[in-house]
Amino acid sequence: MLALFTCGLILMFLFPPYFGIDRSSNGQVHASVGYHPVWDPPDREHVLSVLSETGLASEADLQLSNLEVGRNNVLLGIQTLGLFLLSLVGFLASRTRRGERREKGSDGGGP
């Protein structure tokens, strides 16, 4: 269970979620631009295409120099918490099943 948690955590931090924001809009125009490798984050052109596709702003209203790309730390934190809770539930469930098997085996009345 620990190995799965560790692999999931490593993958989440190697391919984090990113967002794009138009700084000239005082944070009003922003959108998720997907998951990208840490070594190859999305560029401003990708943010421009995503923002214009979502209908939040037209390409004419956006200037490439005002666009900013950032890692979505809030979503990354939520995903990390979710992975931790899921791993905890899996760990507790496996411990419960092991305990039930031990009890059945120790009472001497097994089939």
C-alpha atoms as a PDB file:
ATOM      1  CA  MET A   1       0.000   0.000   0.000  1.00  0.00           C
ATOM      2  CA  LEU A   2       2.873   2.318   0.832  1.00  0.00           C
ATOM      3  CA  ALA A   3       4.471   1.650  -2.557  1.00  0.00           C
ATOM      4  CA  LEU A   4       1.251   2.596  -4.385  1.00  0.00           C
ATOM      5  CA  PHE A   5       0.937   5.785  -2.339  1.00  0.00           C
ATOM      6  CA  THR A   6       4.555   6.693  -3.058  1.00  0.00           C
ATOM      7  CA  CYS A   7       4.181   6.029  -6.807  1.00  0.00           C
ATOM      8  CA  GLY A   8       1.003   8.089  -6.932  1.00  0.00           C
ATOM      9  CA  LEU A   9       2.630  10.947  -5.062  1.00  0.00           C
ATOM     10  CA  ILE A  10       5.666  10.937  -7.344  1.00  0.00           C
ATOM     11  CA  LEU A  11       3.463  10.946 -10.455  1.00  0.00           C
ATOM     12  CA  MET A  12       1.321  13.787  -9.097  1.00  0.00           C
ATOM     13  CA  PHE A  13       4.362  15.967  -8.535  1.00  0.00           C
ATOM     14  CA  LEU A  14       6.002  15.027 -11.842  1.00  0.00           C
ATOM     15  CA  PHE A  15       2.806  15.851 -13.784  1.00  0.00           C
ATOM     16  CA  PRO A  16       1.116  18.625 -11.785  1.00  0.00           C
ATOM     17  CA  PRO A  17      -1.968  20.596 -12.837  1.00  0.00           C
ATOM     18  CA  TYR A  18      -1.339  24.036 -14.315  1.00  0.00           C
ATOM     19  CA  PHE A  19      -3.506  27.108 -14.724  1.00  0.00           C
ATOM     20  CA  GLY A  20      -3.297  30.153 -16.925  1.00  0.00           C
ATOM     21  CA  ILE A  21      -4.264  33.669 -15.930  1.00  0.00           C
ATOM     22  CA  ASP A  22      -4.579  37.011 -17.671  1.00  0.00           C
ATOM     23  CA  ARG A  23      -2.799  39.460 -15.356  1.00  0.00           C
ATOM     24  CA  SER A  24      -4.476  42.459 -16.961  1.00  0.00           C
ATOM     25  CA  SER A  25      -7.901  41.196 -15.803  1.00  0.00           C
ATOM     26  CA  ASN A  26      -6.958  41.356 -12.103  1.00  0.00           C
ATOM     27  CA  GLY A  27      -7.374  37.594 -11.841  1.00  0.00           C
ATOM     28  CA  GLN A  28     -10.856  37.533 -13.380  1.00  0.00           C
ATOM     29  CA  VAL A  29      -9.840  35.572 -16.484  1.00  0.00           C
ATOM     30  CA  HIS A  30      -8.212  32.266 -15.580  1.00  0.00           C
ATOM     31  CA  ALA A  31      -8.611  28.603 -16.427  1.00  0.00           C
ATOM     32  CA  SER A  32      -7.047  25.209 -15.918  1.00  0.00           C
ATOM     33  CA  VAL A  33      -4.663  24.336 -18.741  1.00  0.00           C
ATOM     34  CA  GLY A  34      -4.259  20.670 -17.851  1.00  0.00           C
ATOM     35  CA  TYR A  35      -1.540  18.401 -16.545  1.00  0.00           C
ATOM     36  CA  HIS A  36       1.955  18.783 -17.914  1.00  0.00           C
ATOM     37  CA  PRO A  37       5.383  17.405 -16.998  1.00  0.00           C
ATOM     38  CA  VAL A  38       7.412  19.560 -14.624  1.00  0.00           C
ATOM     39  CA  TRP A  39      10.253  19.647 -17.150  1.00  0.00           C
ATOM     40  CA  ASP A  40       7.940  20.898 -19.932  1.00  0.00           C
ATOM     41  CA  PRO A  41       5.282  23.257 -18.499  1.00  0.00           C
ATOM     42  CA  PRO A  42       2.712  24.815 -20.828  1.00  0.00           C
ATOM     43  CA  ASP A  43       3.699  27.997 -22.614  1.00  0.00           C
ATOM     44  CA  ARG A  44       1.762  31.243 -23.028  1.00  0.00           C
ATOM     45  CA  GLU A  45       0.501  30.217 -26.465  1.00  0.00           C
ATOM     46  CA  HIS A  46      -1.167  27.173 -24.913  1.00  0.00           C
ATOM     47  CA  VAL A  47      -2.750  29.388 -22.245  1.00  0.00           C
ATOM     48  CA  LEU A  48      -4.014  31.714 -24.974  1.00  0.00           C
ATOM     49  CA  SER A  49      -5.652  28.852 -26.854  1.00  0.00           C
ATOM     50  CA  VAL A  50      -7.250  27.400 -23.700  1.00  0.00           C
ATOM     51  CA  LEU A  51      -8.599  30.759 -22.511  1.00  0.00           C
ATOM     52  CA  SER A  52     -10.044  31.531 -25.927  1.00  0.00           C
ATOM     53  CA  GLU A  53     -11.553  28.006 -26.262  1.00  0.00           C
ATOM     54  CA  THR A  54     -13.307  28.274 -22.899  1.00  0.00           C
ATOM     55  CA  GLY A  55     -15.037  31.460 -24.001  1.00  0.00           C
ATOM     56  CA  LEU A  56     -13.740  33.435 -21.032  1.00  0.00           C
ATOM     57  CA  ALA A  57     -12.090  35.902 -23.381  1.00  0.00           C
ATOM     58  CA  SER A  58     -11.502  36.238 -27.076  1.00  0.00           C
ATOM     59  CA  GLU A  59      -8.041  36.075 -28.588  1.00  0.00           C
ATOM     60  CA  ALA A  60      -8.439  39.724 -29.571  1.00  0.00           C
ATOM     61  CA  ASP A  61      -8.914  40.692 -25.901  1.00  0.00           C
ATOM     62  CA  LEU A  62      -5.879  38.746 -24.704  1.00  0.00           C
ATOM     63  CA  GLN A  63      -2.270  39.775 -25.105  1.00  0.00           C
ATOM     64  CA  LEU A  64       0.441  37.154 -24.903  1.00  0.00           C
ATOM     65  CA  SER A  65       2.588  39.370 -22.680  1.00  0.00           C
ATOM     66  CA  ASN A  66      -0.198  39.549 -20.041  1.00  0.00           C
ATOM     67  CA  LEU A  67      -0.653  35.791 -19.794  1.00  0.00           C
ATOM     68  CA  GLU A  68       0.953  33.847 -16.995  1.00  0.00           C
ATOM     69  CA  VAL A  69       1.299  30.118 -16.383  1.00  0.00           C
ATOM     70  CA  GLY A  70       1.401  28.679 -12.880  1.00  0.00           C
ATOM     71  CA  ARG A  71       1.180  25.378 -11.080  1.00  0.00           C
ATOM     72  CA  ASN A  72      -2.242  24.878  -9.508  1.00  0.00           C
ATOM     73  CA  ASN A  73      -1.092  24.253  -5.937  1.00  0.00           C
ATOM     74  CA  VAL A  74      -4.636  24.225  -4.543  1.00  0.00           C
ATOM     75  CA  LEU A  75      -5.694  21.372  -6.822  1.00  0.00           C
ATOM     76  CA  LEU A  76      -2.390  19.598  -6.208  1.00  0.00           C
ATOM     77  CA  GLY A  77      -2.980  19.842  -2.457  1.00  0.00           C
ATOM     78  CA  ILE A  78      -6.522  18.501  -2.779  1.00  0.00           C
ATOM     79  CA  GLN A  79      -5.279  15.593  -4.878  1.00  0.00           C
ATOM     80  CA  THR A  80      -2.516  14.852  -2.384  1.00  0.00           C
ATOM     81  CA  LEU A  81      -5.023  14.831   0.467  1.00  0.00           C
ATOM     82  CA  GLY A  82      -7.348  12.573  -1.543  1.00  0.00           C
ATOM     83  CA  LEU A  83      -4.512  10.149  -2.297  1.00  0.00           C
ATOM     84  CA  PHE A  84      -3.530  10.105   1.368  1.00  0.00           C
ATOM     85  CA  LEU A  85      -7.109   9.423   2.518  1.00  0.00           C
ATOM     86  CA  LEU A  86      -7.593   6.715  -0.109  1.00  0.00           C
ATOM     87  CA  SER A  87      -4.340   5.066   0.949  1.00  0.00           C
ATOM     88  CA  LEU A  88      -5.351   5.288   4.606  1.00  0.00           C
ATOM     89  CA  VAL A  89      -8.691   3.618   3.889  1.00  0.00           C
ATOM     90  CA  GLY A  90      -6.933   0.882   1.916  1.00  0.00           C
ATOM     91  CA  PHE A  91      -4.412   0.369   4.695  1.00  0.00           C
ATOM     92  CA  LEU A  92      -7.109   0.149   7.376  1.00  0.00           C
ATOM     93  CA  ALA A  93      -9.200  -2.213   5.252  1.00  0.00           C
ATOM     94  CA  SER A  94      -6.244  -4.536   4.705  1.00  0.00           C
ATOM     95  CA  ARG A  95      -5.435  -4.542   8.428  1.00  0.00           C
ATOM     96  CA  THR A  96      -9.062  -5.373   9.261  1.00  0.00           C
ATOM     97  CA  ARG A  97      -9.091  -8.272   6.805  1.00  0.00           C
ATOM     98  CA  ARG A  98      -5.812  -9.596   8.214  1.00  0.00           C
ATOM     99  CA  GLY A  99      -7.216  -9.426  11.747  1.00  0.00           C
ATOM    100  CA  GLU A 100     -10.368 -11.305  10.717  1.00  0.00           C
ATOM    101  CA  ARG A 101      -8.277 -14.051   9.094  1.00  0.00           C
ATOM    102  CA  ARG A 102      -6.159 -14.420  12.221  1.00  0.00           C
ATOM    103  CA  GLU A 103      -9.260 -14.691  14.429  1.00  0.00           C
ATOM    104  CA  LYS A 104     -10.773 -17.381  12.210  1.00  0.00           C
ATOM    105  CA  GLY A 105      -7.544 -19.336  12.196  1.00  0.00           C
ATOM    106  CA  SER A 106      -6.949 -19.125  15.949  1.00  0.00           C
ATOM    107  CA  ASP A 107     -10.356 -20.355  17.148  1.00  0.00           C
ATOM    108  CA  GLY A 108      -9.632 -23.867  15.922  1.00  0.00           C
ATOM    109  CA  GLY A 109     -13.080 -24.274  14.452  1.00  0.00           C
ATOM    110  CA  GLY A 110     -12.216 -23.661  10.837  1.00  0.00           C
ATOM    111  CA  PRO A 111     -13.791 -25.772   8.081  1.00  0.00           C
END
